[in-house]
Amino acid sequence: MITLSVYKDADGKITGFRSTGHAGFAESGQDIVCAAVSALVINTVNSIETFTSDTFDLKEEEGMIDFRIVSKPCNESTLLLNSLFLGINGIREDYGKKYIKFV
């Protein structure tokens, strides 16, 4: 199961996330749920790095990404992070809550 934690600031804006685990939808190399979530996560991090001036901390290990914006998030970063969770929630609704959990 992929577990996602959402980091928010005092105003309730998303400032980052932690994604751990593997979906377990199919065998390694065939798991479309894991691939879809990974693509959204990596694209979000790359987009914030490329298209904004926000500074962030990023930790990556096998099966884990921890991303936190350390500056005050600009509107673009907020939009990208909201879009990430919209996409992941869509995958969760389509493929089943047993593969993706929000904590």
PDB file of N, CA and C in Angstrom:
ATOM      1  N   MET A   1       0.832  -1.176   0.000  1.00  0.00           N
ATOM      2  CA  MET A   1       0.000   0.000   0.000  1.00  0.00           C
ATOM      3  C   MET A   1       0.883   1.248   0.000  1.00  0.00           C
ATOM      4  N   ILE A   2       0.481   2.230  -0.770  1.00  0.00           N
ATOM      5  CA  ILE A   2       1.140   3.536  -0.757  1.00  0.00           C
ATOM      6  C   ILE A   2       0.469   4.367   0.329  1.00  0.00           C
ATOM      7  N   THR A   3       1.281   4.938   1.207  1.00  0.00           N
ATOM      8  CA  THR A   3       0.770   5.795   2.272  1.00  0.00           C
ATOM      9  C   THR A   3       1.249   7.212   2.014  1.00  0.00           C
ATOM     10  N   LEU A   4       0.324   8.166   2.029  1.00  0.00           N
ATOM     11  CA  LEU A   4       0.643   9.563   1.788  1.00  0.00           C
ATOM     12  C   LEU A   4       0.277  10.415   2.991  1.00  0.00           C
ATOM     13  N   SER A   5       1.255  11.171   3.473  1.00  0.00           N
ATOM     14  CA  SER A   5       1.034  12.168   4.515  1.00  0.00           C
ATOM     15  C   SER A   5       1.081  13.535   3.859  1.00  0.00           C
ATOM     16  N   VAL A   6       0.207  14.416   4.282  1.00  0.00           N
ATOM     17  CA  VAL A   6       0.146  15.764   3.729  1.00  0.00           C
ATOM     18  C   VAL A   6       0.653  16.736   4.782  1.00  0.00           C
ATOM     19  N   TYR A   7       1.587  17.598   4.389  1.00  0.00           N
ATOM     20  CA  TYR A   7       2.074  18.648   5.281  1.00  0.00           C
ATOM     21  C   TYR A   7       1.349  19.945   4.934  1.00  0.00           C
ATOM     22  N   LYS A   8       0.861  20.643   5.982  1.00  0.00           N
ATOM     23  CA  LYS A   8       0.157  21.906   5.780  1.00  0.00           C
ATOM     24  C   LYS A   8       0.731  22.960   6.711  1.00  0.00           C
ATOM     25  N   ASP A   9       0.601  24.225   6.291  1.00  0.00           N
ATOM     26  CA  ASP A   9       1.038  25.325   7.150  1.00  0.00           C
ATOM     27  C   ASP A   9      -0.117  25.738   8.074  1.00  0.00           C
ATOM     28  N   ALA A  10       0.099  26.779   8.867  1.00  0.00           N
ATOM     29  CA  ALA A  10      -0.904  27.239   9.834  1.00  0.00           C
ATOM     30  C   ALA A  10      -2.194  27.696   9.155  1.00  0.00           C
ATOM     31  N   ASP A  11      -2.099  28.114   7.889  1.00  0.00           N
ATOM     32  CA  ASP A  11      -3.278  28.556   7.147  1.00  0.00           C
ATOM     33  C   ASP A  11      -4.002  27.414   6.438  1.00  0.00           C
ATOM     34  N   GLY A  12      -3.479  26.194   6.564  1.00  0.00           N
ATOM     35  CA  GLY A  12      -4.091  25.044   5.919  1.00  0.00           C
ATOM     36  C   GLY A  12      -3.636  24.796   4.496  1.00  0.00           C
ATOM     37  N   LYS A  13      -2.660  25.571   4.013  1.00  0.00           N
ATOM     38  CA  LYS A  13      -2.125  25.347   2.661  1.00  0.00           C
ATOM     39  C   LYS A  13      -1.182  24.154   2.673  1.00  0.00           C
ATOM     40  N   ILE A  14      -1.271  23.342   1.632  1.00  0.00           N
ATOM     41  CA  ILE A  14      -0.369  22.204   1.506  1.00  0.00           C
ATOM     42  C   ILE A  14       1.042  22.723   1.236  1.00  0.00           C
ATOM     43  N   THR A  15       1.994  22.236   2.030  1.00  0.00           N
ATOM     44  CA  THR A  15       3.397  22.646   1.863  1.00  0.00           C
ATOM     45  C   THR A  15       4.300  21.481   1.508  1.00  0.00           C
ATOM     46  N   GLY A  16       3.736  20.290   1.429  1.00  0.00           N
ATOM     47  CA  GLY A  16       4.551  19.134   1.080  1.00  0.00           C
ATOM     48  C   GLY A  16       3.826  17.839   1.357  1.00  0.00           C
ATOM     49  N   PHE A  17       4.588  16.754   1.253  1.00  0.00           N
ATOM     50  CA  PHE A  17       4.008  15.426   1.405  1.00  0.00           C
ATOM     51  C   PHE A  17       5.114  14.407   1.677  1.00  0.00           C
ATOM     52  N   ARG A  18       4.695  13.270   2.164  1.00  0.00           N
ATOM     53  CA  ARG A  18       5.567  12.109   2.315  1.00  0.00           C
ATOM     54  C   ARG A  18       4.824  10.929   1.699  1.00  0.00           C
ATOM     55  N   SER A  19       5.463  10.263   0.769  1.00  0.00           N
ATOM     56  CA  SER A  19       4.898   9.099   0.103  1.00  0.00           C
ATOM     57  C   SER A  19       5.790   7.908   0.396  1.00  0.00           C
ATOM     58  N   THR A  20       5.192   6.851   0.934  1.00  0.00           N
ATOM     59  CA  THR A  20       5.956   5.650   1.253  1.00  0.00           C
ATOM     60  C   THR A  20       5.229   4.406   0.759  1.00  0.00           C
ATOM     61  N   GLY A  21       5.995   3.389   0.475  1.00  0.00           N
ATOM     62  CA  GLY A  21       5.447   2.083   0.137  1.00  0.00           C
ATOM     63  C   GLY A  21       5.212   1.876  -1.339  1.00  0.00           C
ATOM     64  N   HIS A  22       4.654   0.721  -1.622  1.00  0.00           N
ATOM     65  CA  HIS A  22       4.318   0.321  -2.984  1.00  0.00           C
ATOM     66  C   HIS A  22       2.860  -0.135  -2.994  1.00  0.00           C
ATOM     67  N   ALA A  23       2.197   0.100  -4.090  1.00  0.00           N
ATOM     68  CA  ALA A  23       0.758  -0.157  -4.153  1.00  0.00           C
ATOM     69  C   ALA A  23       0.405  -1.635  -3.960  1.00  0.00           C
ATOM     70  N   GLY A  24       1.137  -2.522  -4.590  1.00  0.00           N
ATOM     71  CA  GLY A  24       0.798  -3.936  -4.512  1.00  0.00           C
ATOM     72  C   GLY A  24      -0.369  -4.316  -5.409  1.00  0.00           C
ATOM     73  N   PHE A  25      -0.648  -3.496  -6.394  1.00  0.00           N
ATOM     74  CA  PHE A  25      -1.731  -3.769  -7.336  1.00  0.00           C
ATOM     75  C   PHE A  25      -1.371  -4.925  -8.260  1.00  0.00           C
ATOM     76  N   ALA A  26      -0.089  -4.993  -8.634  1.00  0.00           N
ATOM     77  CA  ALA A  26       0.404  -6.044  -9.529  1.00  0.00           C
ATOM     78  C   ALA A  26       1.876  -6.284  -9.216  1.00  0.00           C
ATOM     79  N   GLU A  27       2.462  -7.230  -9.923  1.00  0.00           N
ATOM     80  CA  GLU A  27       3.872  -7.526  -9.728  1.00  0.00           C
ATOM     81  C   GLU A  27       4.731  -6.330 -10.121  1.00  0.00           C
ATOM     82  N   SER A  28       5.934  -6.286  -9.546  1.00  0.00           N
ATOM     83  CA  SER A  28       6.881  -5.228  -9.871  1.00  0.00           C
ATOM     84  C   SER A  28       7.078  -5.151 -11.382  1.00  0.00           C
ATOM     85  N   GLY A  29       7.053  -3.956 -11.904  1.00  0.00           N
ATOM     86  CA  GLY A  29       7.185  -3.752 -13.342  1.00  0.00           C
ATOM     87  C   GLY A  29       5.856  -3.754 -14.074  1.00  0.00           C
ATOM     88  N   GLN A  30       4.810  -4.214 -13.410  1.00  0.00           N
ATOM     89  CA  GLN A  30       3.471  -4.259 -14.004  1.00  0.00           C
ATOM     90  C   GLN A  30       2.453  -3.449 -13.206  1.00  0.00           C
ATOM     91  N   ASP A  31       2.892  -2.823 -12.130  1.00  0.00           N
ATOM     92  CA  ASP A  31       1.990  -2.145 -11.202  1.00  0.00           C
ATOM     93  C   ASP A  31       1.657  -0.741 -11.699  1.00  0.00           C
ATOM     94  N   ILE A  32       0.495  -0.613 -12.352  1.00  0.00           N
ATOM     95  CA  ILE A  32       0.121   0.674 -12.937  1.00  0.00           C
ATOM     96  C   ILE A  32      -0.277   1.700 -11.885  1.00  0.00           C
ATOM     97  N   VAL A  33      -0.753   1.253 -10.738  1.00  0.00           N
ATOM     98  CA  VAL A  33      -1.099   2.189  -9.667  1.00  0.00           C
ATOM     99  C   VAL A  33       0.165   2.836  -9.128  1.00  0.00           C
ATOM    100  N   CYS A  34       1.169   2.026  -8.861  1.00  0.00           N
ATOM    101  CA  CYS A  34       2.443   2.545  -8.358  1.00  0.00           C
ATOM    102  C   CYS A  34       3.092   3.475  -9.398  1.00  0.00           C
ATOM    103  N   ALA A  35       3.054   3.073 -10.648  1.00  0.00           N
ATOM    104  CA  ALA A  35       3.648   3.889 -11.706  1.00  0.00           C
ATOM    105  C   ALA A  35       2.934   5.230 -11.846  1.00  0.00           C
ATOM    106  N   ALA A  36       1.620   5.222 -11.748  1.00  0.00           N
ATOM    107  CA  ALA A  36       0.852   6.462 -11.884  1.00  0.00           C
ATOM    108  C   ALA A  36       1.146   7.424 -10.732  1.00  0.00           C
ATOM    109  N   VAL A  37       1.148   6.909  -9.509  1.00  0.00           N
ATOM    110  CA  VAL A  37       1.438   7.756  -8.347  1.00  0.00           C
ATOM    111  C   VAL A  37       2.871   8.282  -8.435  1.00  0.00           C
ATOM    112  N   SER A  38       3.808   7.422  -8.791  1.00  0.00           N
ATOM    113  CA  SER A  38       5.208   7.844  -8.919  1.00  0.00           C
ATOM    114  C   SER A  38       5.362   8.949  -9.954  1.00  0.00           C
ATOM    115  N   ALA A  39       4.696   8.800 -11.085  1.00  0.00           N
ATOM    116  CA  ALA A  39       4.785   9.817 -12.137  1.00  0.00           C
ATOM    117  C   ALA A  39       4.244  11.159 -11.645  1.00  0.00           C
ATOM    118  N   LEU A  40       3.119  11.142 -10.950  1.00  0.00           N
ATOM    119  CA  LEU A  40       2.550  12.388 -10.433  1.00  0.00           C
ATOM    120  C   LEU A  40       3.464  13.027  -9.394  1.00  0.00           C
ATOM    121  N   VAL A  41       3.994  12.220  -8.486  1.00  0.00           N
ATOM    122  CA  VAL A  41       4.868  12.737  -7.436  1.00  0.00           C
ATOM    123  C   VAL A  41       6.129  13.347  -8.022  1.00  0.00           C
ATOM    124  N   ILE A  42       6.797  12.619  -8.893  1.00  0.00           N
ATOM    125  CA  ILE A  42       8.053  13.107  -9.473  1.00  0.00           C
ATOM    126  C   ILE A  42       7.815  14.336 -10.336  1.00  0.00           C
ATOM    127  N   ASN A  43       6.725  14.339 -11.102  1.00  0.00           N
ATOM    128  CA  ASN A  43       6.421  15.496 -11.938  1.00  0.00           C
ATOM    129  C   ASN A  43       6.123  16.727 -11.094  1.00  0.00           C
ATOM    130  N   THR A  44       5.447  16.550  -9.972  1.00  0.00           N
ATOM    131  CA  THR A  44       5.151  17.682  -9.087  1.00  0.00           C
ATOM    132  C   THR A  44       6.430  18.280  -8.521  1.00  0.00           C
ATOM    133  N   VAL A  45       7.307  17.439  -8.013  1.00  0.00           N
ATOM    134  CA  VAL A  45       8.582  17.925  -7.472  1.00  0.00           C
ATOM    135  C   VAL A  45       9.382  18.641  -8.568  1.00  0.00           C
ATOM    136  N   ASN A  46       9.493  18.026  -9.740  1.00  0.00           N
ATOM    137  CA  ASN A  46      10.243  18.638 -10.843  1.00  0.00           C
ATOM    138  C   ASN A  46       9.609  19.948 -11.297  1.00  0.00           C
ATOM    139  N   SER A  47       8.293  20.017 -11.317  1.00  0.00           N
ATOM    140  CA  SER A  47       7.599  21.236 -11.735  1.00  0.00           C
ATOM    141  C   SER A  47       7.823  22.368 -10.738  1.00  0.00           C
ATOM    142  N   ILE A  48       7.760  22.063  -9.451  1.00  0.00           N
ATOM    143  CA  ILE A  48       8.005  23.106  -8.450  1.00  0.00           C
ATOM    144  C   ILE A  48       9.441  23.594  -8.545  1.00  0.00           C
ATOM    145  N   GLU A  49      10.368  22.685  -8.769  1.00  0.00           N
ATOM    146  CA  GLU A  49      11.775  23.080  -8.904  1.00  0.00           C
ATOM    147  C   GLU A  49      11.996  23.926 -10.158  1.00  0.00           C
ATOM    148  N   THR A  50      11.356  23.572 -11.253  1.00  0.00           N
ATOM    149  CA  THR A  50      11.579  24.236 -12.538  1.00  0.00           C
ATOM    150  C   THR A  50      10.802  25.540 -12.684  1.00  0.00           C
ATOM    151  N   PHE A  51       9.569  25.565 -12.233  1.00  0.00           N
ATOM    152  CA  PHE A  51       8.681  26.681 -12.534  1.00  0.00           C
ATOM    153  C   PHE A  51       8.436  27.660 -11.389  1.00  0.00           C
ATOM    154  N   THR A  52       9.035  27.394 -10.218  1.00  0.00           N
ATOM    155  CA  THR A  52       8.867  28.327  -9.107  1.00  0.00           C
ATOM    156  C   THR A  52      10.230  28.663  -8.515  1.00  0.00           C
ATOM    157  N   SER A  53      10.239  29.656  -7.653  1.00  0.00           N
ATOM    158  CA  SER A  53      11.476  30.008  -6.946  1.00  0.00           C
ATOM    159  C   SER A  53      11.450  29.499  -5.507  1.00  0.00           C
ATOM    160  N   ASP A  54      10.458  28.679  -5.171  1.00  0.00           N
ATOM    161  CA  ASP A  54      10.355  28.139  -3.818  1.00  0.00           C
ATOM    162  C   ASP A  54      11.553  27.247  -3.500  1.00  0.00           C
ATOM    163  N   THR A  55      11.971  27.301  -2.243  1.00  0.00           N
ATOM    164  CA  THR A  55      13.023  26.403  -1.777  1.00  0.00           C
ATOM    165  C   THR A  55      12.365  25.259  -1.005  1.00  0.00           C
ATOM    166  N   PHE A  56      12.986  24.081  -1.080  1.00  0.00           N
ATOM    167  CA  PHE A  56      12.376  22.912  -0.462  1.00  0.00           C
ATOM    168  C   PHE A  56      13.438  21.922  -0.012  1.00  0.00           C
ATOM    169  N   ASP A  57      13.024  21.037   0.878  1.00  0.00           N
ATOM    170  CA  ASP A  57      13.828  19.898   1.303  1.00  0.00           C
ATOM    171  C   ASP A  57      13.248  18.665   0.633  1.00  0.00           C
ATOM    172  N   LEU A  58      14.119  17.820   0.119  1.00  0.00           N
ATOM    173  CA  LEU A  58      13.692  16.591  -0.552  1.00  0.00           C
ATOM    174  C   LEU A  58      14.559  15.443  -0.065  1.00  0.00           C
ATOM    175  N   LYS A  59      13.904  14.411   0.426  1.00  0.00           N
ATOM    176  CA  LYS A  59      14.592  13.187   0.828  1.00  0.00           C
ATOM    177  C   LYS A  59      14.009  12.052   0.010  1.00  0.00           C
ATOM    178  N   GLU A  60      14.894  11.255  -0.575  1.00  0.00           N
ATOM    179  CA  GLU A  60      14.461  10.114  -1.381  1.00  0.00           C
ATOM    180  C   GLU A  60      15.193   8.862  -0.932  1.00  0.00           C
ATOM    181  N   GLU A  61      14.440   7.808  -0.771  1.00  0.00           N
ATOM    182  CA  GLU A  61      14.973   6.477  -0.500  1.00  0.00           C
ATOM    183  C   GLU A  61      14.128   5.503  -1.301  1.00  0.00           C
ATOM    184  N   GLU A  62      14.517   4.255  -1.334  1.00  0.00           N
ATOM    185  CA  GLU A  62      13.729   3.242  -2.023  1.00  0.00           C
ATOM    186  C   GLU A  62      12.318   3.222  -1.440  1.00  0.00           C
ATOM    187  N   GLY A  63      11.328   3.512  -2.253  1.00  0.00           N
ATOM    188  CA  GLY A  63       9.942   3.467  -1.822  1.00  0.00           C
ATOM    189  C   GLY A  63       9.480   4.633  -0.962  1.00  0.00           C
ATOM    190  N   MET A  64      10.279   5.728  -0.894  1.00  0.00           N
ATOM    191  CA  MET A  64       9.898   6.862  -0.049  1.00  0.00           C
ATOM    192  C   MET A  64      10.374   8.173  -0.658  1.00  0.00           C
ATOM    193  N   ILE A  65       9.482   9.150  -0.667  1.00  0.00           N
ATOM    194  CA  ILE A  65       9.838  10.530  -1.022  1.00  0.00           C
ATOM    195  C   ILE A  65       9.221  11.435   0.033  1.00  0.00           C
ATOM    196  N   ASP A  66      10.051  12.294   0.616  1.00  0.00           N
ATOM    197  CA  ASP A  66       9.597  13.281   1.585  1.00  0.00           C
ATOM    198  C   ASP A  66       9.948  14.649   1.019  1.00  0.00           C
ATOM    199  N   PHE A  67       8.935  15.464   0.769  1.00  0.00           N
ATOM    200  CA  PHE A  67       9.096  16.762   0.121  1.00  0.00           C
ATOM    201  C   PHE A  67       8.421  17.828   0.965  1.00  0.00           C
ATOM    202  N   ARG A  68       9.178  18.885   1.309  1.00  0.00           N
ATOM    203  CA  ARG A  68       8.620  19.993   2.094  1.00  0.00           C
ATOM    204  C   ARG A  68       9.144  21.320   1.551  1.00  0.00           C
ATOM    205  N   ILE A  69       8.229  22.217   1.264  1.00  0.00           N
ATOM    206  CA  ILE A  69       8.624  23.569   0.875  1.00  0.00           C
ATOM    207  C   ILE A  69       9.023  24.292   2.157  1.00  0.00           C
ATOM    208  N   VAL A  70      10.208  24.887   2.152  1.00  0.00           N
ATOM    209  CA  VAL A  70      10.693  25.565   3.362  1.00  0.00           C
ATOM    210  C   VAL A  70      10.468  27.069   3.299  1.00  0.00           C
ATOM    211  N   SER A  71      10.266  27.604   2.115  1.00  0.00           N
ATOM    212  CA  SER A  71       9.896  29.016   1.981  1.00  0.00           C
ATOM    213  C   SER A  71       8.376  29.105   2.069  1.00  0.00           C
ATOM    214  N   LYS A  72       7.842  30.314   2.102  1.00  0.00           N
ATOM    215  CA  LYS A  72       6.382  30.457   2.029  1.00  0.00           C
ATOM    216  C   LYS A  72       5.971  30.054   0.609  1.00  0.00           C
ATOM    217  N   PRO A  73       5.112  29.044   0.465  1.00  0.00           N
ATOM    218  CA  PRO A  73       4.788  28.549  -0.874  1.00  0.00           C
ATOM    219  C   PRO A  73       4.121  29.618  -1.744  1.00  0.00           C
ATOM    220  N   CYS A  74       4.605  29.736  -2.968  1.00  0.00           N
ATOM    221  CA  CYS A  74       3.963  30.648  -3.914  1.00  0.00           C
ATOM    222  C   CYS A  74       2.676  30.001  -4.432  1.00  0.00           C
ATOM    223  N   ASN A  75       1.865  30.791  -5.090  1.00  0.00           N
ATOM    224  CA  ASN A  75       0.587  30.291  -5.608  1.00  0.00           C
ATOM    225  C   ASN A  75       0.763  29.118  -6.565  1.00  0.00           C
ATOM    226  N   GLU A  76       1.822  29.147  -7.367  1.00  0.00           N
ATOM    227  CA  GLU A  76       2.058  28.072  -8.329  1.00  0.00           C
ATOM    228  C   GLU A  76       2.346  26.757  -7.621  1.00  0.00           C
ATOM    229  N   SER A  77       3.151  26.803  -6.571  1.00  0.00           N
ATOM    230  CA  SER A  77       3.453  25.581  -5.818  1.00  0.00           C
ATOM    231  C   SER A  77       2.204  25.027  -5.152  1.00  0.00           C
ATOM    232  N   THR A  78       1.404  25.919  -4.605  1.00  0.00           N
ATOM    233  CA  THR A  78       0.148  25.487  -3.980  1.00  0.00           C
ATOM    234  C   THR A  78      -0.742  24.809  -5.009  1.00  0.00           C
ATOM    235  N   LEU A  79      -0.838  25.400  -6.186  1.00  0.00           N
ATOM    236  CA  LEU A  79      -1.639  24.815  -7.256  1.00  0.00           C
ATOM    237  C   LEU A  79      -1.095  23.440  -7.655  1.00  0.00           C
ATOM    238  N   LEU A  80       0.211  23.331  -7.814  1.00  0.00           N
ATOM    239  CA  LEU A  80       0.810  22.052  -8.205  1.00  0.00           C
ATOM    240  C   LEU A  80       0.598  20.982  -7.146  1.00  0.00           C
ATOM    241  N   LEU A  81       0.728  21.331  -5.879  1.00  0.00           N
ATOM    242  CA  LEU A  81       0.509  20.355  -4.810  1.00  0.00           C
ATOM    243  C   LEU A  81      -0.962  19.943  -4.728  1.00  0.00           C
ATOM    244  N   ASN A  82      -1.871  20.892  -4.893  1.00  0.00           N
ATOM    245  CA  ASN A  82      -3.291  20.550  -4.920  1.00  0.00           C
ATOM    246  C   ASN A  82      -3.611  19.646  -6.104  1.00  0.00           C
ATOM    247  N   SER A  83      -2.983  19.911  -7.241  1.00  0.00           N
ATOM    248  CA  SER A  83      -3.176  19.087  -8.425  1.00  0.00           C
ATOM    249  C   SER A  83      -2.657  17.665  -8.196  1.00  0.00           C
ATOM    250  N   LEU A  84      -1.524  17.548  -7.517  1.00  0.00           N
ATOM    251  CA  LEU A  84      -0.975  16.230  -7.183  1.00  0.00           C
ATOM    252  C   LEU A  84      -2.000  15.405  -6.414  1.00  0.00           C
ATOM    253  N   PHE A  85      -2.569  15.999  -5.370  1.00  0.00           N
ATOM    254  CA  PHE A  85      -3.509  15.241  -4.549  1.00  0.00           C
ATOM    255  C   PHE A  85      -4.838  15.001  -5.251  1.00  0.00           C
ATOM    256  N   LEU A  86      -5.235  15.871  -6.148  1.00  0.00           N
ATOM    257  CA  LEU A  86      -6.410  15.622  -6.973  1.00  0.00           C
ATOM    258  C   LEU A  86      -6.174  14.380  -7.833  1.00  0.00           C
ATOM    259  N   GLY A  87      -5.002  14.313  -8.468  1.00  0.00           N
ATOM    260  CA  GLY A  87      -4.670  13.167  -9.316  1.00  0.00           C
ATOM    261  C   GLY A  87      -4.557  11.873  -8.536  1.00  0.00           C
ATOM    262  N   ILE A  88      -3.893  11.916  -7.389  1.00  0.00           N
ATOM    263  CA  ILE A  88      -3.742  10.707  -6.581  1.00  0.00           C
ATOM    264  C   ILE A  88      -5.092  10.242  -6.058  1.00  0.00           C
ATOM    265  N   ASN A  89      -5.933  11.175  -5.645  1.00  0.00           N
ATOM    266  CA  ASN A  89      -7.264  10.790  -5.183  1.00  0.00           C
ATOM    267  C   ASN A  89      -8.075  10.159  -6.312  1.00  0.00           C
ATOM    268  N   GLY A  90      -7.911  10.657  -7.527  1.00  0.00           N
ATOM    269  CA  GLY A  90      -8.589  10.052  -8.677  1.00  0.00           C
ATOM    270  C   GLY A  90      -8.141   8.618  -8.907  1.00  0.00           C
ATOM    271  N   ILE A  91      -6.847   8.369  -8.787  1.00  0.00           N
ATOM    272  CA  ILE A  91      -6.316   7.005  -8.921  1.00  0.00           C
ATOM    273  C   ILE A  91      -6.891   6.125  -7.813  1.00  0.00           C
ATOM    274  N   ARG A  92      -6.928   6.654  -6.621  1.00  0.00           N
ATOM    275  CA  ARG A  92      -7.461   5.920  -5.452  1.00  0.00           C
ATOM    276  C   ARG A  92      -8.925   5.556  -5.668  1.00  0.00           C
ATOM    277  N   GLU A  93      -9.696   6.478  -6.189  1.00  0.00           N
ATOM    278  CA  GLU A  93     -11.116   6.211  -6.441  1.00  0.00           C
ATOM    279  C   GLU A  93     -11.304   5.174  -7.553  1.00  0.00           C
ATOM    280  N   ASP A  94     -10.462   5.246  -8.586  1.00  0.00           N
ATOM    281  CA  ASP A  94     -10.603   4.332  -9.725  1.00  0.00           C
ATOM    282  C   ASP A  94     -10.113   2.915  -9.437  1.00  0.00           C
ATOM    283  N   TYR A  95      -9.021   2.785  -8.672  1.00  0.00           N
ATOM    284  CA  TYR A  95      -8.394   1.477  -8.488  1.00  0.00           C
ATOM    285  C   TYR A  95      -8.597   0.872  -7.108  1.00  0.00           C
ATOM    286  N   GLY A  96      -9.081   1.636  -6.170  1.00  0.00           N
ATOM    287  CA  GLY A  96      -9.385   1.071  -4.861  1.00  0.00           C
ATOM    288  C   GLY A  96      -8.576   1.662  -3.736  1.00  0.00           C
ATOM    289  N   LYS A  97      -9.255   1.862  -2.637  1.00  0.00           N
ATOM    290  CA  LYS A  97      -8.652   2.472  -1.467  1.00  0.00           C
ATOM    291  C   LYS A  97      -7.667   1.545  -0.772  1.00  0.00           C
ATOM    292  N   LYS A  98      -7.662   0.276  -1.130  1.00  0.00           N
ATOM    293  CA  LYS A  98      -6.720  -0.646  -0.506  1.00  0.00           C
ATOM    294  C   LYS A  98      -5.293  -0.482  -1.027  1.00  0.00           C
ATOM    295  N   TYR A  99      -5.101   0.315  -2.077  1.00  0.00           N
ATOM    296  CA  TYR A  99      -3.774   0.518  -2.652  1.00  0.00           C
ATOM    297  C   TYR A  99      -3.137   1.841  -2.249  1.00  0.00           C
ATOM    298  N   ILE A 100      -3.972   2.831  -1.880  1.00  0.00           N
ATOM    299  CA  ILE A 100      -3.479   4.173  -1.524  1.00  0.00           C
ATOM    300  C   ILE A 100      -4.220   4.632  -0.277  1.00  0.00           C
ATOM    301  N   LYS A 101      -3.443   5.073   0.723  1.00  0.00           N
ATOM    302  CA  LYS A 101      -4.042   5.543   1.973  1.00  0.00           C
ATOM    303  C   LYS A 101      -3.497   6.918   2.306  1.00  0.00           C
ATOM    304  N   PHE A 102      -4.388   7.843   2.664  1.00  0.00           N
ATOM    305  CA  PHE A 102      -4.006   9.157   3.139  1.00  0.00           C
ATOM    306  C   PHE A 102      -4.008   9.145   4.664  1.00  0.00           C
ATOM    307  N   VAL A 103      -2.948   9.662   5.253  1.00  0.00           N
ATOM    308  CA  VAL A 103      -2.887   9.750   6.731  1.00  0.00           C
ATOM    309  C   VAL A 103      -2.641  11.183   7.148  1.00  0.00           C
TER     310      VAL A 103
END
